Amino acid sequence: MTKHTTTHALIQNFLSEEELQEILAVFNFKETARKCTVSMLLAYLLEAATHEWKSLRYAADVGPSGGLTAVDHSSLSIHIKALDYAIMKRIFQVLVGS
């Protein structure tokens, strides 16, 4: 797992927390969770894609060993489902445009 540990740090260089909050404000998205923030969900999705994790349950089990915050798989599922596709699309556009 250590060969991809800088992936999330690289993404943070292209998308700061302030830029992420601006994107969320444009879509009137209010973060209500303490542990499952949008930036943490992005970190889980990025790690899942990088390491080709097979499910959210597996991601929740393996994520903490890779340096991610420990979260239950059901929380990941609920918060990813609540995240609008347009928000993810805009985040991707910002990353590609950087």
PDB file of N, CA and C in Angstrom:
ATOM      1  N   MET A   1       0.803  -1.194   0.000  1.00  0.00           N
ATOM      2  CA  MET A   1       0.000   0.000   0.000  1.00  0.00           C
ATOM      3  C   MET A   1       0.851   1.266   0.000  1.00  0.00           C
ATOM      4  N   THR A   2       2.078   1.169   0.377  1.00  0.00           N
ATOM      5  CA  THR A   2       2.884   2.369   0.540  1.00  0.00           C
ATOM      6  C   THR A   2       3.255   3.042  -0.767  1.00  0.00           C
ATOM      7  N   LYS A   3       3.149   2.348  -1.896  1.00  0.00           N
ATOM      8  CA  LYS A   3       3.557   2.970  -3.145  1.00  0.00           C
ATOM      9  C   LYS A   3       2.598   4.056  -3.615  1.00  0.00           C
ATOM     10  N   HIS A   4       1.392   4.147  -3.041  1.00  0.00           N
ATOM     11  CA  HIS A   4       0.413   5.145  -3.445  1.00  0.00           C
ATOM     12  C   HIS A   4       0.102   6.144  -2.321  1.00  0.00           C
ATOM     13  N   THR A   5       0.922   6.232  -1.317  1.00  0.00           N
ATOM     14  CA  THR A   5       0.586   7.067  -0.167  1.00  0.00           C
ATOM     15  C   THR A   5       0.584   8.552  -0.494  1.00  0.00           C
ATOM     16  N   THR A   6       1.253   8.987  -1.551  1.00  0.00           N
ATOM     17  CA  THR A   6       1.299  10.407  -1.868  1.00  0.00           C
ATOM     18  C   THR A   6       0.185  10.829  -2.817  1.00  0.00           C
ATOM     19  N   THR A   7      -0.643   9.915  -3.279  1.00  0.00           N
ATOM     20  CA  THR A   7      -1.699  10.246  -4.233  1.00  0.00           C
ATOM     21  C   THR A   7      -2.654  11.275  -3.663  1.00  0.00           C
ATOM     22  N   HIS A   8      -3.125  11.058  -2.444  1.00  0.00           N
ATOM     23  CA  HIS A   8      -4.054  12.010  -1.823  1.00  0.00           C
ATOM     24  C   HIS A   8      -3.367  13.351  -1.586  1.00  0.00           C
ATOM     25  N   ALA A   9      -2.120  13.331  -1.199  1.00  0.00           N
ATOM     26  CA  ALA A   9      -1.383  14.586  -0.986  1.00  0.00           C
ATOM     27  C   ALA A   9      -1.239  15.354  -2.295  1.00  0.00           C
ATOM     28  N   LEU A  10      -1.027  14.653  -3.395  1.00  0.00           N
ATOM     29  CA  LEU A  10      -0.937  15.320  -4.699  1.00  0.00           C
ATOM     30  C   LEU A  10      -2.263  15.964  -5.086  1.00  0.00           C
ATOM     31  N   ILE A  11      -3.355  15.268  -4.849  1.00  0.00           N
ATOM     32  CA  ILE A  11      -4.675  15.828  -5.164  1.00  0.00           C
ATOM     33  C   ILE A  11      -4.935  17.068  -4.322  1.00  0.00           C
ATOM     34  N   GLN A  12      -4.517  17.050  -3.063  1.00  0.00           N
ATOM     35  CA  GLN A  12      -4.704  18.223  -2.205  1.00  0.00           C
ATOM     36  C   GLN A  12      -3.921  19.421  -2.712  1.00  0.00           C
ATOM     37  N   ASN A  13      -2.828  19.197  -3.440  1.00  0.00           N
ATOM     38  CA  ASN A  13      -2.086  20.309  -4.038  1.00  0.00           C
ATOM     39  C   ASN A  13      -2.876  20.960  -5.166  1.00  0.00           C
ATOM     40  N   PHE A  14      -3.707  20.181  -5.852  1.00  0.00           N
ATOM     41  CA  PHE A  14      -4.492  20.712  -6.964  1.00  0.00           C
ATOM     42  C   PHE A  14      -5.863  21.214  -6.534  1.00  0.00           C
ATOM     43  N   LEU A  15      -6.363  20.732  -5.413  1.00  0.00           N
ATOM     44  CA  LEU A  15      -7.685  21.129  -4.915  1.00  0.00           C
ATOM     45  C   LEU A  15      -7.576  21.386  -3.422  1.00  0.00           C
ATOM     46  N   SER A  16      -7.495  22.650  -3.060  1.00  0.00           N
ATOM     47  CA  SER A  16      -7.366  23.001  -1.648  1.00  0.00           C
ATOM     48  C   SER A  16      -8.713  22.841  -0.943  1.00  0.00           C
ATOM     49  N   GLU A  17      -8.667  22.830   0.363  1.00  0.00           N
ATOM     50  CA  GLU A  17      -9.892  22.715   1.158  1.00  0.00           C
ATOM     51  C   GLU A  17     -10.809  23.914   0.904  1.00  0.00           C
ATOM     52  N   GLU A  18     -10.230  25.087   0.687  1.00  0.00           N
ATOM     53  CA  GLU A  18     -11.027  26.282   0.417  1.00  0.00           C
ATOM     54  C   GLU A  18     -11.769  26.146  -0.922  1.00  0.00           C
ATOM     55  N   GLU A  19     -11.071  25.634  -1.939  1.00  0.00           N
ATOM     56  CA  GLU A  19     -11.711  25.426  -3.235  1.00  0.00           C
ATOM     57  C   GLU A  19     -12.832  24.396  -3.138  1.00  0.00           C
ATOM     58  N   LEU A  20     -12.596  23.360  -2.364  1.00  0.00           N
ATOM     59  CA  LEU A  20     -13.620  22.342  -2.172  1.00  0.00           C
ATOM     60  C   LEU A  20     -14.848  22.943  -1.496  1.00  0.00           C
ATOM     61  N   GLN A  21     -14.635  23.759  -0.473  1.00  0.00           N
ATOM     62  CA  GLN A  21     -15.754  24.393   0.216  1.00  0.00           C
ATOM     63  C   GLN A  21     -16.511  25.353  -0.691  1.00  0.00           C
ATOM     64  N   GLU A  22     -15.794  26.025  -1.596  1.00  0.00           N
ATOM     65  CA  GLU A  22     -16.447  26.911  -2.566  1.00  0.00           C
ATOM     66  C   GLU A  22     -17.343  26.105  -3.508  1.00  0.00           C
ATOM     67  N   ILE A  23     -16.856  24.963  -3.965  1.00  0.00           N
ATOM     68  CA  ILE A  23     -17.656  24.101  -4.841  1.00  0.00           C
ATOM     69  C   ILE A  23     -18.902  23.630  -4.108  1.00  0.00           C
ATOM     70  N   LEU A  24     -18.743  23.220  -2.862  1.00  0.00           N
ATOM     71  CA  LEU A  24     -19.890  22.760  -2.082  1.00  0.00           C
ATOM     72  C   LEU A  24     -20.895  23.882  -1.861  1.00  0.00           C
ATOM     73  N   ALA A  25     -20.414  25.109  -1.678  1.00  0.00           N
ATOM     74  CA  ALA A  25     -21.300  26.253  -1.476  1.00  0.00           C
ATOM     75  C   ALA A  25     -22.106  26.555  -2.740  1.00  0.00           C
ATOM     76  N   VAL A  26     -21.477  26.399  -3.898  1.00  0.00           N
ATOM     77  CA  VAL A  26     -22.177  26.632  -5.167  1.00  0.00           C
ATOM     78  C   VAL A  26     -23.380  25.691  -5.293  1.00  0.00           C
ATOM     79  N   PHE A  27     -23.229  24.463  -4.847  1.00  0.00           N
ATOM     80  CA  PHE A  27     -24.300  23.475  -4.941  1.00  0.00           C
ATOM     81  C   PHE A  27     -25.154  23.416  -3.670  1.00  0.00           C
ATOM     82  N   ASN A  28     -24.953  24.352  -2.749  1.00  0.00           N
ATOM     83  CA  ASN A  28     -25.706  24.420  -1.486  1.00  0.00           C
ATOM     84  C   ASN A  28     -25.654  23.102  -0.713  1.00  0.00           C
ATOM     85  N   PHE A  29     -24.479  22.473  -0.719  1.00  0.00           N
ATOM     86  CA  PHE A  29     -24.290  21.219  -0.002  1.00  0.00           C
ATOM     87  C   PHE A  29     -23.786  21.524   1.402  1.00  0.00           C
ATOM     88  N   LYS A  30     -24.500  21.047   2.391  1.00  0.00           N
ATOM     89  CA  LYS A  30     -24.124  21.262   3.786  1.00  0.00           C
ATOM     90  C   LYS A  30     -23.567  19.964   4.362  1.00  0.00           C
ATOM     91  N   GLU A  31     -22.347  20.038   4.855  1.00  0.00           N
ATOM     92  CA  GLU A  31     -21.750  18.861   5.498  1.00  0.00           C
ATOM     93  C   GLU A  31     -22.314  18.749   6.909  1.00  0.00           C
ATOM     94  N   THR A  32     -22.923  17.618   7.198  1.00  0.00           N
ATOM     95  CA  THR A  32     -23.506  17.414   8.513  1.00  0.00           C
ATOM     96  C   THR A  32     -22.736  16.382   9.332  1.00  0.00           C
ATOM     97  N   ALA A  33     -21.911  15.624   8.688  1.00  0.00           N
ATOM     98  CA  ALA A  33     -21.173  14.559   9.382  1.00  0.00           C
ATOM     99  C   ALA A  33     -19.855  15.088   9.930  1.00  0.00           C
ATOM    100  N   ARG A  34     -19.452  14.536  11.059  1.00  0.00           N
ATOM    101  CA  ARG A  34     -18.166  14.915  11.631  1.00  0.00           C
ATOM    102  C   ARG A  34     -17.031  14.078  11.060  1.00  0.00           C
ATOM    103  N   LYS A  35     -17.286  12.784  10.879  1.00  0.00           N
ATOM    104  CA  LYS A  35     -16.227  11.899  10.397  1.00  0.00           C
ATOM    105  C   LYS A  35     -16.220  11.771   8.882  1.00  0.00           C
ATOM    106  N   CYS A  36     -17.377  11.763   8.260  1.00  0.00           N
ATOM    107  CA  CYS A  36     -17.480  11.563   6.813  1.00  0.00           C
ATOM    108  C   CYS A  36     -17.604  12.889   6.076  1.00  0.00           C
ATOM    109  N   THR A  37     -16.550  13.656   6.088  1.00  0.00           N
ATOM    110  CA  THR A  37     -16.552  14.906   5.342  1.00  0.00           C
ATOM    111  C   THR A  37     -16.339  14.610   3.862  1.00  0.00           C
ATOM    112  N   VAL A  38     -16.613  15.581   3.022  1.00  0.00           N
ATOM    113  CA  VAL A  38     -16.453  15.380   1.582  1.00  0.00           C
ATOM    114  C   VAL A  38     -14.988  15.104   1.247  1.00  0.00           C
ATOM    115  N   SER A  39     -14.073  15.810   1.874  1.00  0.00           N
ATOM    116  CA  SER A  39     -12.654  15.565   1.592  1.00  0.00           C
ATOM    117  C   SER A  39     -12.241  14.157   2.020  1.00  0.00           C
ATOM    118  N   MET A  40     -12.816  13.655   3.106  1.00  0.00           N
ATOM    119  CA  MET A  40     -12.515  12.297   3.539  1.00  0.00           C
ATOM    120  C   MET A  40     -13.129  11.276   2.587  1.00  0.00           C
ATOM    121  N   LEU A  41     -14.338  11.563   2.089  1.00  0.00           N
ATOM    122  CA  LEU A  41     -14.950  10.680   1.095  1.00  0.00           C
ATOM    123  C   LEU A  41     -14.120  10.651  -0.184  1.00  0.00           C
ATOM    124  N   LEU A  42     -13.621  11.806  -0.593  1.00  0.00           N
ATOM    125  CA  LEU A  42     -12.752  11.862  -1.769  1.00  0.00           C
ATOM    126  C   LEU A  42     -11.490  11.028  -1.553  1.00  0.00           C
ATOM    127  N   ALA A  43     -10.941  11.096  -0.349  1.00  0.00           N
ATOM    128  CA  ALA A  43      -9.746  10.310  -0.037  1.00  0.00           C
ATOM    129  C   ALA A  43     -10.049   8.816  -0.140  1.00  0.00           C
ATOM    130  N   TYR A  44     -11.198   8.384   0.388  1.00  0.00           N
ATOM    131  CA  TYR A  44     -11.577   6.979   0.297  1.00  0.00           C
ATOM    132  C   TYR A  44     -11.794   6.562  -1.155  1.00  0.00           C
ATOM    133  N   LEU A  45     -12.492   7.395  -1.928  1.00  0.00           N
ATOM    134  CA  LEU A  45     -12.734   7.061  -3.335  1.00  0.00           C
ATOM    135  C   LEU A  45     -11.438   7.007  -4.127  1.00  0.00           C
ATOM    136  N   LEU A  46     -10.544   7.935  -3.840  1.00  0.00           N
ATOM    137  CA  LEU A  46      -9.256   7.954  -4.527  1.00  0.00           C
ATOM    138  C   LEU A  46      -8.428   6.721  -4.189  1.00  0.00           C
ATOM    139  N   GLU A  47      -8.373   6.382  -2.923  1.00  0.00           N
ATOM    140  CA  GLU A  47      -7.626   5.190  -2.512  1.00  0.00           C
ATOM    141  C   GLU A  47      -8.270   3.920  -3.072  1.00  0.00           C
ATOM    142  N   ALA A  48      -9.603   3.879  -3.086  1.00  0.00           N
ATOM    143  CA  ALA A  48     -10.291   2.704  -3.625  1.00  0.00           C
ATOM    144  C   ALA A  48      -9.976   2.516  -5.107  1.00  0.00           C
ATOM    145  N   ALA A  49      -9.950   3.616  -5.846  1.00  0.00           N
ATOM    146  CA  ALA A  49      -9.627   3.520  -7.268  1.00  0.00           C
ATOM    147  C   ALA A  49      -8.160   3.170  -7.477  1.00  0.00           C
ATOM    148  N   THR A  50      -7.283   3.757  -6.692  1.00  0.00           N
ATOM    149  CA  THR A  50      -5.848   3.510  -6.827  1.00  0.00           C
ATOM    150  C   THR A  50      -5.490   2.063  -6.521  1.00  0.00           C
ATOM    151  N   HIS A  51      -6.063   1.537  -5.456  1.00  0.00           N
ATOM    152  CA  HIS A  51      -5.727   0.180  -5.017  1.00  0.00           C
ATOM    153  C   HIS A  51      -6.690  -0.883  -5.541  1.00  0.00           C
ATOM    154  N   GLU A  52      -7.696  -0.449  -6.319  1.00  0.00           N
ATOM    155  CA  GLU A  52      -8.697  -1.359  -6.875  1.00  0.00           C
ATOM    156  C   GLU A  52      -9.395  -2.172  -5.786  1.00  0.00           C
ATOM    157  N   TRP A  53      -9.836  -1.467  -4.730  1.00  0.00           N
ATOM    158  CA  TRP A  53     -10.573  -2.137  -3.665  1.00  0.00           C
ATOM    159  C   TRP A  53     -11.899  -2.617  -4.217  1.00  0.00           C
ATOM    160  N   LYS A  54     -12.352  -3.770  -3.740  1.00  0.00           N
ATOM    161  CA  LYS A  54     -13.504  -4.432  -4.333  1.00  0.00           C
ATOM    162  C   LYS A  54     -14.859  -3.961  -3.821  1.00  0.00           C
ATOM    163  N   SER A  55     -14.917  -3.290  -2.661  1.00  0.00           N
ATOM    164  CA  SER A  55     -16.207  -2.861  -2.125  1.00  0.00           C
ATOM    165  C   SER A  55     -16.000  -1.793  -1.055  1.00  0.00           C
ATOM    166  N   LEU A  56     -17.098  -1.165  -0.664  1.00  0.00           N
ATOM    167  CA  LEU A  56     -17.023  -0.178   0.418  1.00  0.00           C
ATOM    168  C   LEU A  56     -16.707  -0.858   1.749  1.00  0.00           C
ATOM    169  N   ARG A  57     -17.217  -2.063   1.912  1.00  0.00           N
ATOM    170  CA  ARG A  57     -16.924  -2.812   3.142  1.00  0.00           C
ATOM    171  C   ARG A  57     -15.417  -3.073   3.249  1.00  0.00           C
ATOM    172  N   TYR A  58     -14.821  -3.470   2.142  1.00  0.00           N
ATOM    173  CA  TYR A  58     -13.376  -3.709   2.117  1.00  0.00           C
ATOM    174  C   TYR A  58     -12.623  -2.399   2.342  1.00  0.00           C
ATOM    175  N   ALA A  59     -13.097  -1.304   1.728  1.00  0.00           N
ATOM    176  CA  ALA A  59     -12.457  -0.003   1.904  1.00  0.00           C
ATOM    177  C   ALA A  59     -12.492   0.427   3.371  1.00  0.00           C
ATOM    178  N   ALA A  60     -13.622   0.198   4.033  1.00  0.00           N
ATOM    179  CA  ALA A  60     -13.739   0.555   5.445  1.00  0.00           C
ATOM    180  C   ALA A  60     -12.812  -0.286   6.318  1.00  0.00           C
ATOM    181  N   ASP A  61     -12.600  -1.529   5.918  1.00  0.00           N
ATOM    182  CA  ASP A  61     -11.712  -2.409   6.678  1.00  0.00           C
ATOM    183  C   ASP A  61     -10.238  -2.062   6.472  1.00  0.00           C
ATOM    184  N   VAL A  62      -9.865  -1.756   5.224  1.00  0.00           N
ATOM    185  CA  VAL A  62      -8.460  -1.568   4.869  1.00  0.00           C
ATOM    186  C   VAL A  62      -8.030  -0.099   4.978  1.00  0.00           C
ATOM    187  N   GLY A  63      -8.952   0.831   4.824  1.00  0.00           N
ATOM    188  CA  GLY A  63      -8.630   2.261   4.810  1.00  0.00           C
ATOM    189  C   GLY A  63      -7.787   2.749   5.976  1.00  0.00           C
ATOM    190  N   PRO A  64      -8.130   2.414   7.212  1.00  0.00           N
ATOM    191  CA  PRO A  64      -7.328   2.904   8.343  1.00  0.00           C
ATOM    192  C   PRO A  64      -5.872   2.445   8.310  1.00  0.00           C
ATOM    193  N   SER A  65      -5.605   1.273   7.763  1.00  0.00           N
ATOM    194  CA  SER A  65      -4.211   0.821   7.675  1.00  0.00           C
ATOM    195  C   SER A  65      -3.436   1.625   6.631  1.00  0.00           C
ATOM    196  N   GLY A  66      -4.152   2.303   5.741  1.00  0.00           N
ATOM    197  CA  GLY A  66      -3.523   3.145   4.737  1.00  0.00           C
ATOM    198  C   GLY A  66      -3.472   4.606   5.139  1.00  0.00           C
ATOM    199  N   GLY A  67      -3.836   4.912   6.380  1.00  0.00           N
ATOM    200  CA  GLY A  67      -3.758   6.278   6.866  1.00  0.00           C
ATOM    201  C   GLY A  67      -5.061   7.060   6.801  1.00  0.00           C
ATOM    202  N   LEU A  68      -6.153   6.415   6.425  1.00  0.00           N
ATOM    203  CA  LEU A  68      -7.444   7.090   6.372  1.00  0.00           C
ATOM    204  C   LEU A  68      -8.158   6.976   7.721  1.00  0.00           C
ATOM    205  N   THR A  69      -9.080   7.882   7.946  1.00  0.00           N
ATOM    206  CA  THR A  69      -9.872   7.855   9.173  1.00  0.00           C
ATOM    207  C   THR A  69     -10.774   6.622   9.167  1.00  0.00           C
ATOM    208  N   ALA A  70     -10.879   5.954  10.303  1.00  0.00           N
ATOM    209  CA  ALA A  70     -11.725   4.760  10.405  1.00  0.00           C
ATOM    210  C   ALA A  70     -13.194   5.163  10.333  1.00  0.00           C
ATOM    211  N   VAL A  71     -13.914   4.547   9.384  1.00  0.00           N
ATOM    212  CA  VAL A  71     -15.328   4.824   9.166  1.00  0.00           C
ATOM    213  C   VAL A  71     -16.027   3.517   8.850  1.00  0.00           C
ATOM    214  N   ASP A  72     -17.258   3.379   9.300  1.00  0.00           N
ATOM    215  CA  ASP A  72     -18.047   2.197   9.008  1.00  0.00           C
ATOM    216  C   ASP A  72     -18.465   2.212   7.538  1.00  0.00           C
ATOM    217  N   HIS A  73     -18.552   1.036   6.930  1.00  0.00           N
ATOM    218  CA  HIS A  73     -18.909   0.954   5.506  1.00  0.00           C
ATOM    219  C   HIS A  73     -20.294   1.515   5.223  1.00  0.00           C
ATOM    220  N   SER A  74     -21.214   1.388   6.181  1.00  0.00           N
ATOM    221  CA  SER A  74     -22.556   1.930   5.961  1.00  0.00           C
ATOM    222  C   SER A  74     -22.537   3.458   5.946  1.00  0.00           C
ATOM    223  N   SER A  75     -21.673   4.059   6.751  1.00  0.00           N
ATOM    224  CA  SER A  75     -21.534   5.514   6.732  1.00  0.00           C
ATOM    225  C   SER A  75     -20.970   5.983   5.401  1.00  0.00           C
ATOM    226  N   LEU A  76     -19.980   5.259   4.895  1.00  0.00           N
ATOM    227  CA  LEU A  76     -19.439   5.590   3.571  1.00  0.00           C
ATOM    228  C   LEU A  76     -20.537   5.534   2.514  1.00  0.00           C
ATOM    229  N   SER A  77     -21.309   4.491   2.546  1.00  0.00           N
ATOM    230  CA  SER A  77     -22.374   4.312   1.560  1.00  0.00           C
ATOM    231  C   SER A  77     -23.405   5.432   1.639  1.00  0.00           C
ATOM    232  N   ILE A  78     -23.838   5.757   2.835  1.00  0.00           N
ATOM    233  CA  ILE A  78     -24.857   6.788   3.024  1.00  0.00           C
ATOM    234  C   ILE A  78     -24.357   8.140   2.538  1.00  0.00           C
ATOM    235  N   HIS A  79     -23.137   8.498   2.885  1.00  0.00           N
ATOM    236  CA  HIS A  79     -22.632   9.823   2.536  1.00  0.00           C
ATOM    237  C   HIS A  79     -22.224   9.926   1.070  1.00  0.00           C
ATOM    238  N   ILE A  80     -21.761   8.842   0.490  1.00  0.00           N
ATOM    239  CA  ILE A  80     -21.461   8.861  -0.945  1.00  0.00           C
ATOM    240  C   ILE A  80     -22.761   8.986  -1.736  1.00  0.00           C
ATOM    241  N   LYS A  81     -23.802   8.310  -1.272  1.00  0.00           N
ATOM    242  CA  LYS A  81     -25.101   8.391  -1.943  1.00  0.00           C
ATOM    243  C   LYS A  81     -25.681   9.807  -1.853  1.00  0.00           C
ATOM    244  N   ALA A  82     -25.421  10.496  -0.744  1.00  0.00           N
ATOM    245  CA  ALA A  82     -25.942  11.852  -0.555  1.00  0.00           C
ATOM    246  C   ALA A  82     -25.177  12.893  -1.367  1.00  0.00           C
ATOM    247  N   LEU A  83     -23.988  12.538  -1.802  1.00  0.00           N
ATOM    248  CA  LEU A  83     -23.149  13.464  -2.561  1.00  0.00           C
ATOM    249  C   LEU A  83     -23.620  13.510  -4.010  1.00  0.00           C
ATOM    250  N   ASP A  84     -24.006  14.684  -4.458  1.00  0.00           N
ATOM    251  CA  ASP A  84     -24.562  14.858  -5.797  1.00  0.00           C
ATOM    252  C   ASP A  84     -23.495  14.599  -6.864  1.00  0.00           C
ATOM    253  N   TYR A  85     -23.919  13.979  -7.964  1.00  0.00           N
ATOM    254  CA  TYR A  85     -23.015  13.701  -9.083  1.00  0.00           C
ATOM    255  C   TYR A  85     -22.427  14.993  -9.636  1.00  0.00           C
ATOM    256  N   ALA A  86     -23.209  16.062  -9.672  1.00  0.00           N
ATOM    257  CA  ALA A  86     -22.733  17.342 -10.211  1.00  0.00           C
ATOM    258  C   ALA A  86     -21.568  17.890  -9.391  1.00  0.00           C
ATOM    259  N   ILE A  87     -21.569  17.639  -8.095  1.00  0.00           N
ATOM    260  CA  ILE A  87     -20.455  18.073  -7.240  1.00  0.00           C
ATOM    261  C   ILE A  87     -19.187  17.317  -7.623  1.00  0.00           C
ATOM    262  N   MET A  88     -19.302  16.007  -7.763  1.00  0.00           N
ATOM    263  CA  MET A  88     -18.138  15.204  -8.138  1.00  0.00           C
ATOM    264  C   MET A  88     -17.632  15.587  -9.529  1.00  0.00           C
ATOM    265  N   LYS A  89     -18.554  15.872 -10.424  1.00  0.00           N
ATOM    266  CA  LYS A  89     -18.174  16.282 -11.776  1.00  0.00           C
ATOM    267  C   LYS A  89     -17.413  17.601 -11.737  1.00  0.00           C
ATOM    268  N   ARG A  90     -17.880  18.541 -10.930  1.00  0.00           N
ATOM    269  CA  ARG A  90     -17.205  19.845 -10.814  1.00  0.00           C
ATOM    270  C   ARG A  90     -15.817  19.686 -10.184  1.00  0.00           C
ATOM    271  N   ILE A  91     -15.692  18.844  -9.177  1.00  0.00           N
ATOM    272  CA  ILE A  91     -14.392  18.589  -8.553  1.00  0.00           C
ATOM    273  C   ILE A  91     -13.437  18.014  -9.591  1.00  0.00           C
ATOM    274  N   PHE A  92     -13.904  17.071 -10.395  1.00  0.00           N
ATOM    275  CA  PHE A  92     -13.075  16.485 -11.440  1.00  0.00           C
ATOM    276  C   PHE A  92     -12.655  17.539 -12.464  1.00  0.00           C
ATOM    277  N   GLN A  93     -13.573  18.427 -12.833  1.00  0.00           N
ATOM    278  CA  GLN A  93     -13.244  19.493 -13.778  1.00  0.00           C
ATOM    279  C   GLN A  93     -12.158  20.407 -13.226  1.00  0.00           C
ATOM    280  N   VAL A  94     -12.231  20.725 -11.949  1.00  0.00           N
ATOM    281  CA  VAL A  94     -11.213  21.572 -11.320  1.00  0.00           C
ATOM    282  C   VAL A  94      -9.864  20.862 -11.320  1.00  0.00           C
ATOM    283  N   LEU A  95      -9.871  19.567 -10.999  1.00  0.00           N
ATOM    284  CA  LEU A  95      -8.621  18.806 -10.975  1.00  0.00           C
ATOM    285  C   LEU A  95      -8.000  18.702 -12.366  1.00  0.00           C
ATOM    286  N   VAL A  96      -8.816  18.449 -13.371  1.00  0.00           N
ATOM    287  CA  VAL A  96      -8.300  18.333 -14.734  1.00  0.00           C
ATOM    288  C   VAL A  96      -7.820  19.692 -15.243  1.00  0.00           C
ATOM    289  N   GLY A  97      -8.514  20.738 -14.855  1.00  0.00           N
ATOM    290  CA  GLY A  97      -8.130  22.080 -15.281  1.00  0.00           C
ATOM    291  C   GLY A  97      -6.864  22.596 -14.627  1.00  0.00           C
ATOM    292  N   SER A  98      -6.457  21.983 -13.523  1.00  0.00           N
ATOM    293  CA  SER A  98      -5.254  22.448 -12.811  1.00  0.00           C
ATOM    294  C   SER A  98      -4.067  22.032 -13.556  1.00  0.00           C
TER     295      SER A  98
END
